[in-house]
């Protein structure tokens, strides 16, 4: 049985692939494919945590550990997502799907 799933980040896909590989003998192959997509940004966006309470107008600066802009982009204005392709026994499909969902996978398809 072949199962494919999409992930919003390469890290999530890698963690899921490692968890799926550890399921044992019923998993025959796990492969990961990165998808890079150009993203246009105008450069006018605030770092995460910059505006904490917009209703009262109070300003709270970023925590010392949260410097810079938090983004899911790779350098050069690219968005990187990933897909995982798994070949396993049909009896392992439920465990594989569970591992995918627990690590942020979506658009799961089984053939």
C-alpha atoms as a PDB file:
ATOM      1  CA  UNK A   1       0.000   0.000   0.000  1.00  0.00           C
ATOM      2  CA  UNK A   2       1.245   3.499  -0.822  1.00  0.00           C
ATOM      3  CA  UNK A   3       0.400   6.441   1.461  1.00  0.00           C
ATOM      4  CA  UNK A   4       1.268  10.052   0.666  1.00  0.00           C
ATOM      5  CA  UNK A   5       0.907  13.146   2.845  1.00  0.00           C
ATOM      6  CA  UNK A   6       1.756  16.836   2.697  1.00  0.00           C
ATOM      7  CA  UNK A   7       3.518  18.856   5.404  1.00  0.00           C
ATOM      8  CA  UNK A   8       3.845  22.615   5.834  1.00  0.00           C
ATOM      9  CA  UNK A   9       7.505  22.355   6.782  1.00  0.00           C
ATOM     10  CA  UNK A  10      10.405  20.087   5.966  1.00  0.00           C
ATOM     11  CA  UNK A  11      11.129  19.622   9.685  1.00  0.00           C
ATOM     12  CA  UNK A  12       7.637  18.256  10.336  1.00  0.00           C
ATOM     13  CA  UNK A  13       8.001  15.892   7.376  1.00  0.00           C
ATOM     14  CA  UNK A  14      11.398  14.671   8.613  1.00  0.00           C
ATOM     15  CA  UNK A  15      10.070  14.028  12.135  1.00  0.00           C
ATOM     16  CA  UNK A  16       7.117  12.114  10.694  1.00  0.00           C
ATOM     17  CA  UNK A  17       9.386  10.088   8.386  1.00  0.00           C
ATOM     18  CA  UNK A  18      11.601   9.118  11.335  1.00  0.00           C
ATOM     19  CA  UNK A  19       8.573   8.086  13.407  1.00  0.00           C
ATOM     20  CA  UNK A  20       7.158   6.046  10.525  1.00  0.00           C
ATOM     21  CA  UNK A  21      10.480   4.283   9.929  1.00  0.00           C
ATOM     22  CA  UNK A  22      10.534   3.272  13.585  1.00  0.00           C
ATOM     23  CA  UNK A  23       7.190   1.451  13.230  1.00  0.00           C
ATOM     24  CA  UNK A  24       9.035  -1.688  12.186  1.00  0.00           C
ATOM     25  CA  UNK A  25       8.925  -4.405   9.575  1.00  0.00           C
ATOM     26  CA  UNK A  26       5.594  -3.432   8.028  1.00  0.00           C
ATOM     27  CA  UNK A  27       7.055  -0.229   6.576  1.00  0.00           C
ATOM     28  CA  UNK A  28       9.127  -0.909   3.467  1.00  0.00           C
ATOM     29  CA  UNK A  29      10.074   2.542   2.151  1.00  0.00           C
ATOM     30  CA  UNK A  30       9.785   6.167   3.296  1.00  0.00           C
ATOM     31  CA  UNK A  31      10.811   9.018   1.011  1.00  0.00           C
ATOM     32  CA  UNK A  32      10.619  12.782   1.418  1.00  0.00           C
ATOM     33  CA  UNK A  33      10.271  15.420  -1.301  1.00  0.00           C
ATOM     34  CA  UNK A  34      10.721  19.174  -0.738  1.00  0.00           C
ATOM     35  CA  UNK A  35       8.523  21.688  -2.536  1.00  0.00           C
ATOM     36  CA  UNK A  36       9.952  25.187  -2.971  1.00  0.00           C
ATOM     37  CA  UNK A  37       7.746  28.058  -4.022  1.00  0.00           C
ATOM     38  CA  UNK A  38       8.703  31.688  -4.567  1.00  0.00           C
ATOM     39  CA  UNK A  39       6.967  34.030  -2.158  1.00  0.00           C
ATOM     40  CA  UNK A  40       6.543  37.740  -2.787  1.00  0.00           C
ATOM     41  CA  UNK A  41       6.867  39.887   0.326  1.00  0.00           C
ATOM     42  CA  UNK A  42       6.633  43.651   0.449  1.00  0.00           C
ATOM     43  CA  UNK A  43       8.893  43.811   3.503  1.00  0.00           C
ATOM     44  CA  UNK A  44       6.315  45.547   5.704  1.00  0.00           C
ATOM     45  CA  UNK A  45       5.391  43.019   8.350  1.00  0.00           C
ATOM     46  CA  UNK A  46       6.047  42.951  12.068  1.00  0.00           C
ATOM     47  CA  UNK A  47       7.886  40.311  14.069  1.00  0.00           C
ATOM     48  CA  UNK A  48       5.739  37.832  15.965  1.00  0.00           C
ATOM     49  CA  UNK A  49       4.869  39.160  19.394  1.00  0.00           C
ATOM     50  CA  UNK A  50       5.304  42.812  18.400  1.00  0.00           C
ATOM     51  CA  UNK A  51       1.635  43.688  18.983  1.00  0.00           C
ATOM     52  CA  UNK A  52       0.374  41.829  22.009  1.00  0.00           C
ATOM     53  CA  UNK A  53      -2.755  43.698  23.057  1.00  0.00           C
ATOM     54  CA  UNK A  54      -4.221  45.785  20.268  1.00  0.00           C
ATOM     55  CA  UNK A  55      -7.451  46.565  22.171  1.00  0.00           C
ATOM     56  CA  UNK A  56      -5.782  48.485  24.999  1.00  0.00           C
ATOM     57  CA  UNK A  57      -2.967  49.989  22.987  1.00  0.00           C
ATOM     58  CA  UNK A  58      -0.251  48.620  25.251  1.00  0.00           C
ATOM     59  CA  UNK A  59       3.081  47.697  23.773  1.00  0.00           C
ATOM     60  CA  UNK A  60       5.075  44.744  24.962  1.00  0.00           C
ATOM     61  CA  UNK A  61       8.517  44.194  23.414  1.00  0.00           C
ATOM     62  CA  UNK A  62       9.715  40.836  22.217  1.00  0.00           C
ATOM     63  CA  UNK A  63      11.143  38.412  24.729  1.00  0.00           C
ATOM     64  CA  UNK A  64      14.954  38.295  24.663  1.00  0.00           C
ATOM     65  CA  UNK A  65      14.835  34.846  23.050  1.00  0.00           C
ATOM     66  CA  UNK A  66      12.500  35.968  20.261  1.00  0.00           C
ATOM     67  CA  UNK A  67      14.647  38.311  18.240  1.00  0.00           C
ATOM     68  CA  UNK A  68      14.123  38.669  14.528  1.00  0.00           C
ATOM     69  CA  UNK A  69      11.196  37.788  12.363  1.00  0.00           C
ATOM     70  CA  UNK A  70       9.558  34.413  12.796  1.00  0.00           C
ATOM     71  CA  UNK A  71       8.731  32.989   9.401  1.00  0.00           C
ATOM     72  CA  UNK A  72       8.236  29.672   7.618  1.00  0.00           C
ATOM     73  CA  UNK A  73      10.272  30.905   4.676  1.00  0.00           C
ATOM     74  CA  UNK A  74      13.658  29.775   3.525  1.00  0.00           C
ATOM     75  CA  UNK A  75      16.217  32.402   2.663  1.00  0.00           C
ATOM     76  CA  UNK A  76      15.684  34.090  -0.675  1.00  0.00           C
ATOM     77  CA  UNK A  77      11.903  34.475  -0.407  1.00  0.00           C
ATOM     78  CA  UNK A  78      11.012  30.814  -0.824  1.00  0.00           C
ATOM     79  CA  UNK A  79       8.330  28.896   1.004  1.00  0.00           C
ATOM     80  CA  UNK A  80       9.354  25.313   1.676  1.00  0.00           C
ATOM     81  CA  UNK A  81       6.879  22.511   2.255  1.00  0.00           C
ATOM     82  CA  UNK A  82       7.333  18.775   1.882  1.00  0.00           C
ATOM     83  CA  UNK A  83       5.616  15.533   0.972  1.00  0.00           C
ATOM     84  CA  UNK A  84       6.207  12.087   2.407  1.00  0.00           C
ATOM     85  CA  UNK A  85       5.628   8.912   0.396  1.00  0.00           C
ATOM     86  CA  UNK A  86       5.372   5.652   2.328  1.00  0.00           C
ATOM     87  CA  UNK A  87       5.100   2.074   1.121  1.00  0.00           C
ATOM     88  CA  UNK A  88       3.792  -0.259   3.807  1.00  0.00           C
ATOM     89  CA  UNK A  89       1.674  -3.307   4.474  1.00  0.00           C
ATOM     90  CA  UNK A  90      -2.075  -2.590   4.465  1.00  0.00           C
ATOM     91  CA  UNK A  91      -2.155  -3.762   8.087  1.00  0.00           C
ATOM     92  CA  UNK A  92       0.167  -0.852   9.021  1.00  0.00           C
ATOM     93  CA  UNK A  93      -1.870   1.860   7.267  1.00  0.00           C
ATOM     94  CA  UNK A  94      -3.709   2.986  10.386  1.00  0.00           C
ATOM     95  CA  UNK A  95      -0.480   3.335  12.407  1.00  0.00           C
ATOM     96  CA  UNK A  96       1.217   5.204   9.552  1.00  0.00           C
ATOM     97  CA  UNK A  97      -1.723   7.606   9.161  1.00  0.00           C
ATOM     98  CA  UNK A  98      -1.717   8.223  12.906  1.00  0.00           C
ATOM     99  CA  UNK A  99       2.002   9.077  12.876  1.00  0.00           C
ATOM    100  CA  UNK A 100       1.411  11.451   9.953  1.00  0.00           C
ATOM    101  CA  UNK A 101      -1.471  13.287  11.628  1.00  0.00           C
ATOM    102  CA  UNK A 102       0.334  13.517  14.986  1.00  0.00           C
ATOM    103  CA  UNK A 103       3.168  15.397  13.282  1.00  0.00           C
ATOM    104  CA  UNK A 104       1.103  17.882  11.301  1.00  0.00           C
ATOM    105  CA  UNK A 105       0.540  15.979   8.066  1.00  0.00           C
ATOM    106  CA  UNK A 106      -2.482  16.673   5.894  1.00  0.00           C
ATOM    107  CA  UNK A 107      -3.933  15.687   2.505  1.00  0.00           C
ATOM    108  CA  UNK A 108      -3.295  12.033   3.324  1.00  0.00           C
ATOM    109  CA  UNK A 109      -3.966   9.699   0.418  1.00  0.00           C
ATOM    110  CA  UNK A 110      -3.793   5.915   0.321  1.00  0.00           C
ATOM    111  CA  UNK A 111      -3.594   3.841  -2.867  1.00  0.00           C
END
